[in-house]
């Protein structure tokens, strides 16, 4: 069970404040992360609710965590689930957004009536060449796109292409943040939470560093 009052942060305590840009935090799995991020005025907290994942957050844990935070939206994150599994999970978890990775599912999930966050991974030149067309396709079907890449040789090219994008999507930068914390042409950031050191104790690492950097003066 989660601690119902307070939690300890090994780096410093926090107070409610505003951020200069839109922020989504993925992979929330504990109350410490949820309360810290809500206190820092993050916009969206993402939870792995994929029934095919070994790291799925249970319905009970989701309820306990979300009952203790306010002022944020919740995203249900899916990795390998099919349409029926997504549909059933959305009935059980009261999420505001559905996050998916598969282009093949976009139109079907769109019909479920929940705003979609799409996680677009760019790991090679082939995927980079499709960035513009993929964003054009997603433009009328999803609300946000998290652009991510672990290939540091592509980041400058990705940044350049994003600079020419003029559609309706809210694009969230999900790569290269730890290195330079440069927003580039993105209106938002996507960060990933980590496990607690032990219940109630957490070193927020990169999340704290980035959120402090984009606090309102």
Protein backbone atom coordinates (compact mmCIF):
# COMPACT_ATOMS: atom_id res chain seq x y z
CA UNK A 1 0.00 0.00 0.00
CA UNK A 2 1.11 3.61 -0.52
CA UNK A 3 1.93 6.00 2.28
CA UNK A 4 -1.09 8.25 2.72
CA UNK A 5 0.69 11.28 4.17
CA UNK A 6 3.89 12.83 2.91
CA UNK A 7 6.90 11.25 1.28
CA UNK A 8 10.64 11.83 1.49
CA UNK A 9 12.83 13.10 -1.32
CA UNK A 10 16.54 12.56 -0.90
CA UNK A 11 17.44 15.67 -2.90
CA UNK A 12 15.07 18.39 -1.69
CA UNK A 13 11.44 19.15 -0.94
CA UNK A 14 9.23 20.84 -3.54
CA UNK A 15 6.58 23.49 -3.70
CA UNK A 16 3.86 24.11 -6.26
CA UNK A 17 5.03 26.24 -9.17
CA UNK A 18 4.39 26.75 -12.88
CA UNK A 19 6.47 25.48 -15.77
CA UNK A 20 7.33 27.42 -18.91
CA UNK A 21 6.36 24.60 -21.24
CA UNK A 22 4.07 21.59 -21.57
CA UNK A 23 5.47 18.43 -19.95
CA UNK A 24 4.43 14.78 -20.00
CA UNK A 25 6.03 12.22 -17.69
CA UNK A 26 5.72 8.57 -18.73
CA UNK A 27 6.03 5.33 -16.78
CA UNK A 28 4.59 6.60 -13.48
CA UNK A 29 4.40 3.66 -11.09
CA UNK A 30 4.56 5.12 -7.59
CA UNK A 31 3.01 7.84 -5.47
CA UNK A 32 6.31 9.66 -4.94
CA UNK A 33 6.72 10.38 -8.66
CA UNK A 34 3.07 11.31 -9.10
CA UNK A 35 3.00 13.77 -6.19
CA UNK A 36 6.33 15.36 -7.08
CA UNK A 37 5.35 15.84 -10.73
CA UNK A 38 1.89 17.16 -9.84
CA UNK A 39 3.51 19.58 -7.39
CA UNK A 40 5.78 20.81 -10.18
CA UNK A 41 2.69 21.43 -12.35
CA UNK A 42 3.42 18.78 -14.97
CA UNK A 43 0.57 18.49 -17.48
CA UNK A 44 0.22 14.73 -18.11
CA UNK A 45 1.23 11.66 -16.10
CA UNK A 46 1.49 8.43 -18.10
CA UNK A 47 0.88 4.96 -16.63
CA UNK A 48 1.73 1.63 -18.23
CA UNK A 49 -1.68 -0.08 -18.25
CA UNK A 50 -0.83 -2.52 -21.04
CA UNK A 51 -2.08 -6.02 -20.10
CA UNK A 52 0.70 -7.58 -22.21
CA UNK A 53 3.41 -5.89 -20.14
CA UNK A 54 5.12 -7.33 -17.06
CA UNK A 55 5.33 -3.77 -15.70
CA UNK A 56 1.62 -3.02 -15.94
CA UNK A 57 0.31 -0.78 -13.15
CA UNK A 58 -2.59 -2.59 -11.50
CA UNK A 59 -6.06 -1.07 -11.29
CA UNK A 60 -5.71 -0.83 -7.51
CA UNK A 61 -2.35 0.95 -7.67
CA UNK A 62 -3.59 3.30 -10.40
CA UNK A 63 -6.58 4.25 -8.25
CA UNK A 64 -4.48 4.81 -5.14
CA UNK A 65 -1.92 6.94 -6.97
CA UNK A 66 -4.36 9.09 -8.94
CA UNK A 67 -6.58 9.77 -5.91
CA UNK A 68 -3.70 11.61 -4.25
CA UNK A 69 -2.91 14.06 -7.07
CA UNK A 70 -4.85 16.87 -8.69
CA UNK A 71 -4.48 19.30 -11.57
CA UNK A 72 -2.96 16.80 -14.01
CA UNK A 73 -4.27 14.60 -16.82
CA UNK A 74 -3.64 10.85 -16.98
CA UNK A 75 -2.50 8.84 -20.00
CA UNK A 76 -2.81 5.09 -20.36
CA UNK A 77 0.33 3.84 -22.12
CA UNK A 78 0.26 0.78 -24.37
CA UNK A 79 3.20 -1.01 -25.96
CA UNK A 80 2.12 -4.36 -27.39
CA UNK A 81 -1.64 -4.52 -26.79
CA UNK A 82 -4.10 -5.04 -29.62
CA UNK A 83 -7.27 -3.01 -30.15
CA UNK A 84 -9.51 -5.21 -28.00
CA UNK A 85 -7.04 -5.17 -25.12
CA UNK A 86 -6.78 -1.39 -25.34
CA UNK A 87 -10.56 -1.08 -25.43
CA UNK A 88 -11.02 -3.26 -22.33
CA UNK A 89 -8.26 -1.49 -20.41
CA UNK A 90 -9.71 1.94 -21.11
CA UNK A 91 -12.98 0.75 -19.56
CA UNK A 92 -11.15 -0.19 -16.34
CA UNK A 93 -8.76 2.75 -16.03
CA UNK A 94 -10.24 6.31 -16.11
CA UNK A 95 -7.55 7.87 -18.31
CA UNK A 96 -7.75 11.12 -20.25
CA UNK A 97 -5.44 10.01 -23.09
CA UNK A 98 -4.46 6.75 -24.77
CA UNK A 99 -0.82 6.48 -25.80
CA UNK A 100 0.14 4.01 -28.55
CA UNK A 101 3.15 3.20 -30.72
CA UNK A 102 1.63 1.45 -33.73
CA UNK A 103 0.53 3.39 -36.80
CA UNK A 104 -1.68 0.44 -37.72
CA UNK A 105 -3.83 1.07 -34.63
CA UNK A 106 -4.29 4.82 -34.92
CA UNK A 107 -7.52 4.96 -36.89
CA UNK A 108 -9.16 2.20 -34.83
CA UNK A 109 -8.14 3.69 -31.49
CA UNK A 110 -9.31 7.10 -32.70
CA UNK A 111 -12.83 5.66 -32.90
CA UNK A 112 -12.75 4.85 -29.16
CA UNK A 113 -13.23 8.54 -28.48
CA UNK A 114 -10.18 9.11 -26.28
CA UNK A 115 -7.56 11.66 -27.35
CA UNK A 116 -4.44 9.88 -28.58
CA UNK A 117 -0.79 10.47 -27.77
CA UNK A 118 1.41 8.79 -30.35
CA UNK A 119 5.01 7.81 -29.57
CA UNK A 120 7.00 8.09 -32.78
CA UNK A 121 10.42 6.45 -32.67
CA UNK A 122 13.13 7.46 -35.14
CA UNK A 123 16.15 5.18 -35.00
CA UNK A 124 17.47 5.10 -38.56
CA UNK A 125 17.53 7.04 -41.82
CA UNK A 126 14.53 5.14 -43.16
CA UNK A 127 12.36 6.19 -40.21
CA UNK A 128 13.72 9.73 -40.47
CA UNK A 129 12.69 9.89 -44.14
CA UNK A 130 9.11 9.10 -43.11
CA UNK A 131 8.90 11.73 -40.35
CA UNK A 132 7.15 14.38 -42.43
CA UNK A 133 4.61 11.99 -43.97
CA UNK A 134 3.90 10.31 -40.62
CA UNK A 135 3.23 13.66 -38.94
CA UNK A 136 0.94 14.61 -41.82
CA UNK A 137 -1.00 11.34 -41.40
CA UNK A 138 -1.29 11.74 -37.62
CA UNK A 139 -2.32 15.38 -37.78
CA UNK A 140 -6.07 14.82 -37.88
CA UNK A 141 -6.13 11.71 -35.71
CA UNK A 142 -4.07 12.37 -32.60
CA UNK A 143 -3.56 15.22 -30.13
CA UNK A 144 0.13 14.84 -29.36
CA UNK A 145 3.21 13.11 -30.72
CA UNK A 146 6.20 12.19 -28.57
CA UNK A 147 9.20 12.16 -30.90
CA UNK A 148 11.91 9.90 -29.51
CA UNK A 149 15.26 8.58 -30.69
CA UNK A 150 18.21 6.83 -29.08
CA UNK A 151 20.36 7.48 -32.16
CA UNK A 152 22.35 10.62 -31.33
CA UNK A 153 23.62 10.91 -34.92
CA UNK A 154 20.09 11.75 -36.09
CA UNK A 155 19.09 14.39 -33.54
CA UNK A 156 20.20 17.43 -35.54
CA UNK A 157 18.33 16.17 -38.60
CA UNK A 158 15.21 15.47 -36.53
CA UNK A 159 15.40 18.94 -35.00
CA UNK A 160 15.71 20.45 -38.47
CA UNK A 161 12.65 18.64 -39.83
CA UNK A 162 10.58 19.51 -36.77
CA UNK A 163 11.44 23.15 -37.44
CA UNK A 164 9.48 22.99 -40.69
CA UNK A 165 6.39 21.37 -39.15
CA UNK A 166 3.37 23.70 -39.15
CA UNK A 167 0.47 21.38 -38.40
CA UNK A 168 -1.92 21.10 -35.46
CA UNK A 169 -0.14 18.44 -33.43
CA UNK A 170 1.48 19.22 -30.10
CA UNK A 171 4.97 17.76 -30.52
CA UNK A 172 6.86 16.66 -27.42
CA UNK A 173 10.62 16.27 -27.48
CA UNK A 174 11.61 12.89 -26.06
CA UNK A 175 15.29 12.69 -26.99
CA UNK A 176 18.55 14.47 -26.22
CA UNK A 177 17.10 16.24 -23.18
CA UNK A 178 19.70 15.00 -20.69
CA UNK A 179 22.52 16.17 -22.93
CA UNK A 180 21.53 19.74 -23.71
CA UNK A 181 18.01 20.33 -22.37
CA UNK A 182 17.38 22.20 -25.61
CA UNK A 183 13.72 22.62 -26.53
CA UNK A 184 14.46 23.48 -30.14
CA UNK A 185 11.18 23.94 -32.04
CA UNK A 186 9.14 21.75 -29.73
CA UNK A 187 6.25 23.16 -27.67
CA UNK A 188 6.66 20.44 -25.03
CA UNK A 189 8.87 17.82 -23.42
CA UNK A 190 8.44 14.12 -22.66
CA UNK A 191 10.39 12.62 -19.75
CA UNK A 192 10.39 9.17 -18.18
CA UNK A 193 10.01 8.30 -14.51
CA UNK A 194 12.07 5.64 -12.74
CA UNK A 195 11.47 3.21 -9.91
CA UNK A 196 11.62 4.32 -6.26
CA UNK A 197 14.78 3.52 -4.30
CA UNK A 198 12.38 2.20 -1.66
CA UNK A 199 8.80 3.17 -0.78
CA UNK A 200 8.68 6.89 -0.06
CA UNK A 201 12.30 7.57 -1.03
CA UNK A 202 13.24 8.83 -4.46
CA UNK A 203 16.08 10.52 -6.30
CA UNK A 204 14.34 12.31 -9.17
CA UNK A 205 17.54 12.75 -11.18
CA UNK A 206 16.94 14.01 -14.72
CA UNK A 207 13.29 14.85 -14.07
CA UNK A 208 14.16 17.26 -11.26
CA UNK A 209 17.03 18.80 -13.22
CA UNK A 210 14.86 19.50 -16.28
CA UNK A 211 11.77 20.69 -14.39
CA UNK A 212 13.84 23.11 -12.32
CA UNK A 213 15.35 24.47 -15.54
CA UNK A 214 11.94 25.27 -17.03
CA UNK A 215 10.29 26.72 -13.92
CA UNK A 216 8.64 30.11 -14.34
CA UNK A 217 10.75 32.90 -12.87
